[in-house]
């Protein structure tokens, strides 16, 4: 799906499409939100979930790959345990 078509979907349809067709990159936690980053065909989508109400407060299409930086900071890429000795 192209981002223009994604943007026309309802919030419920966006969430359904992300879960069925997107790939989750990572999740981060702030004081008041959980934020998840999904990768779609040619764009990224952030979902903001309020920690207190557990409601989605925002779904934002991100076209700039700079958004990856804040999610990749917490990714553990240590593969030493996978290497056979």
C-alpha atoms as a PDB file:
ATOM      1  CA  UNK A   1       0.000   0.000   0.000  1.00  0.00           C
ATOM      2  CA  UNK A   2       1.232   3.468  -0.796  1.00  0.00           C
ATOM      3  CA  UNK A   3       1.489   6.014   1.989  1.00  0.00           C
ATOM      4  CA  UNK A   4      -1.142   8.243   0.349  1.00  0.00           C
ATOM      5  CA  UNK A   5      -3.646   5.376   0.520  1.00  0.00           C
ATOM      6  CA  UNK A   6      -2.582   4.504   4.065  1.00  0.00           C
ATOM      7  CA  UNK A   7      -3.205   8.093   5.165  1.00  0.00           C
ATOM      8  CA  UNK A   8      -6.821   7.904   3.964  1.00  0.00           C
ATOM      9  CA  UNK A   9      -7.631   4.901   6.175  1.00  0.00           C
ATOM     10  CA  UNK A  10      -9.452   5.215   9.481  1.00  0.00           C
ATOM     11  CA  UNK A  11      -7.381   4.796  12.633  1.00  0.00           C
ATOM     12  CA  UNK A  12      -8.802   1.290  13.144  1.00  0.00           C
ATOM     13  CA  UNK A  13      -7.987   0.287   9.569  1.00  0.00           C
ATOM     14  CA  UNK A  14      -4.456   1.692   9.897  1.00  0.00           C
ATOM     15  CA  UNK A  15      -3.802  -0.381  13.012  1.00  0.00           C
ATOM     16  CA  UNK A  16      -5.210  -3.495  11.351  1.00  0.00           C
ATOM     17  CA  UNK A  17      -3.089  -2.962   8.265  1.00  0.00           C
ATOM     18  CA  UNK A  18       0.065  -2.366  10.308  1.00  0.00           C
ATOM     19  CA  UNK A  19      -0.467  -5.534  12.324  1.00  0.00           C
ATOM     20  CA  UNK A  20      -1.205  -7.677   9.278  1.00  0.00           C
ATOM     21  CA  UNK A  21       1.216  -6.207   6.739  1.00  0.00           C
ATOM     22  CA  UNK A  22       3.806  -4.154   8.617  1.00  0.00           C
ATOM     23  CA  UNK A  23       6.951  -5.261  10.331  1.00  0.00           C
ATOM     24  CA  UNK A  24       7.608  -3.919  13.792  1.00  0.00           C
ATOM     25  CA  UNK A  25      11.093  -2.451  14.154  1.00  0.00           C
ATOM     26  CA  UNK A  26      11.131  -1.624  17.848  1.00  0.00           C
ATOM     27  CA  UNK A  27       9.186  -0.058  20.702  1.00  0.00           C
ATOM     28  CA  UNK A  28      10.280   2.672  23.069  1.00  0.00           C
ATOM     29  CA  UNK A  29       8.807   3.945  26.310  1.00  0.00           C
ATOM     30  CA  UNK A  30       8.610   7.543  27.509  1.00  0.00           C
ATOM     31  CA  UNK A  31       7.055   8.963  30.666  1.00  0.00           C
ATOM     32  CA  UNK A  32       3.558   9.013  29.225  1.00  0.00           C
ATOM     33  CA  UNK A  33       3.616   6.979  25.989  1.00  0.00           C
ATOM     34  CA  UNK A  34       4.654   3.728  24.402  1.00  0.00           C
ATOM     35  CA  UNK A  35       5.747   4.314  20.817  1.00  0.00           C
ATOM     36  CA  UNK A  36       6.095   1.581  18.204  1.00  0.00           C
ATOM     37  CA  UNK A  37       7.793   1.905  14.835  1.00  0.00           C
ATOM     38  CA  UNK A  38       6.543  -0.190  11.937  1.00  0.00           C
ATOM     39  CA  UNK A  39       8.190  -0.611   8.543  1.00  0.00           C
ATOM     40  CA  UNK A  40       5.913  -0.689   5.540  1.00  0.00           C
ATOM     41  CA  UNK A  41       6.863  -1.074   1.862  1.00  0.00           C
ATOM     42  CA  UNK A  42       8.449   2.345   1.360  1.00  0.00           C
ATOM     43  CA  UNK A  43       7.708   4.260   4.552  1.00  0.00           C
ATOM     44  CA  UNK A  44       7.665   3.969   8.340  1.00  0.00           C
ATOM     45  CA  UNK A  45       4.755   4.460  10.737  1.00  0.00           C
ATOM     46  CA  UNK A  46       4.870   5.409  14.409  1.00  0.00           C
ATOM     47  CA  UNK A  47       2.014   4.533  16.744  1.00  0.00           C
ATOM     48  CA  UNK A  48       1.741   6.438  20.038  1.00  0.00           C
ATOM     49  CA  UNK A  49      -0.115   4.706  22.858  1.00  0.00           C
ATOM     50  CA  UNK A  50      -1.018   6.562  26.046  1.00  0.00           C
ATOM     51  CA  UNK A  51       0.324   4.620  29.031  1.00  0.00           C
ATOM     52  CA  UNK A  52      -2.550   5.571  31.328  1.00  0.00           C
ATOM     53  CA  UNK A  53      -5.551   5.143  29.058  1.00  0.00           C
ATOM     54  CA  UNK A  54      -4.025   2.507  26.718  1.00  0.00           C
ATOM     55  CA  UNK A  55      -5.550   4.421  23.819  1.00  0.00           C
ATOM     56  CA  UNK A  56      -3.814   5.275  20.584  1.00  0.00           C
ATOM     57  CA  UNK A  57      -3.179   9.003  20.555  1.00  0.00           C
ATOM     58  CA  UNK A  58      -1.435   9.295  17.210  1.00  0.00           C
ATOM     59  CA  UNK A  59      -0.454   7.378  14.097  1.00  0.00           C
ATOM     60  CA  UNK A  60       2.220   9.185  12.097  1.00  0.00           C
ATOM     61  CA  UNK A  61       3.726   8.307   8.743  1.00  0.00           C
ATOM     62  CA  UNK A  62       7.468   8.941   8.797  1.00  0.00           C
ATOM     63  CA  UNK A  63       9.181   9.355   5.445  1.00  0.00           C
ATOM     64  CA  UNK A  64      12.595  10.312   6.781  1.00  0.00           C
ATOM     65  CA  UNK A  65      14.803   7.402   7.843  1.00  0.00           C
ATOM     66  CA  UNK A  66      16.271   9.592  10.608  1.00  0.00           C
ATOM     67  CA  UNK A  67      13.338   8.368  12.722  1.00  0.00           C
ATOM     68  CA  UNK A  68      15.176   5.029  12.972  1.00  0.00           C
ATOM     69  CA  UNK A  69      17.886   6.533  15.175  1.00  0.00           C
ATOM     70  CA  UNK A  70      15.783   6.762  18.316  1.00  0.00           C
ATOM     71  CA  UNK A  71      14.558   3.176  17.902  1.00  0.00           C
ATOM     72  CA  UNK A  72      17.889   1.600  17.047  1.00  0.00           C
ATOM     73  CA  UNK A  73      19.629   3.012  20.125  1.00  0.00           C
ATOM     74  CA  UNK A  74      18.120   0.225  22.231  1.00  0.00           C
ATOM     75  CA  UNK A  75      18.672  -2.663  19.821  1.00  0.00           C
ATOM     76  CA  UNK A  76      21.210  -5.204  21.050  1.00  0.00           C
ATOM     77  CA  UNK A  77      23.299  -6.355  18.106  1.00  0.00           C
ATOM     78  CA  UNK A  78      25.654  -8.564  20.120  1.00  0.00           C
ATOM     79  CA  UNK A  79      26.007 -11.749  18.062  1.00  0.00           C
ATOM     80  CA  UNK A  80      28.968 -13.254  19.943  1.00  0.00           C
ATOM     81  CA  UNK A  81      26.724 -15.894  21.494  1.00  0.00           C
ATOM     82  CA  UNK A  82      25.737 -17.080  18.019  1.00  0.00           C
ATOM     83  CA  UNK A  83      29.282 -17.757  16.860  1.00  0.00           C
ATOM     84  CA  UNK A  84      30.382 -21.379  17.135  1.00  0.00           C
ATOM     85  CA  UNK A  85      33.796 -21.906  18.667  1.00  0.00           C
END
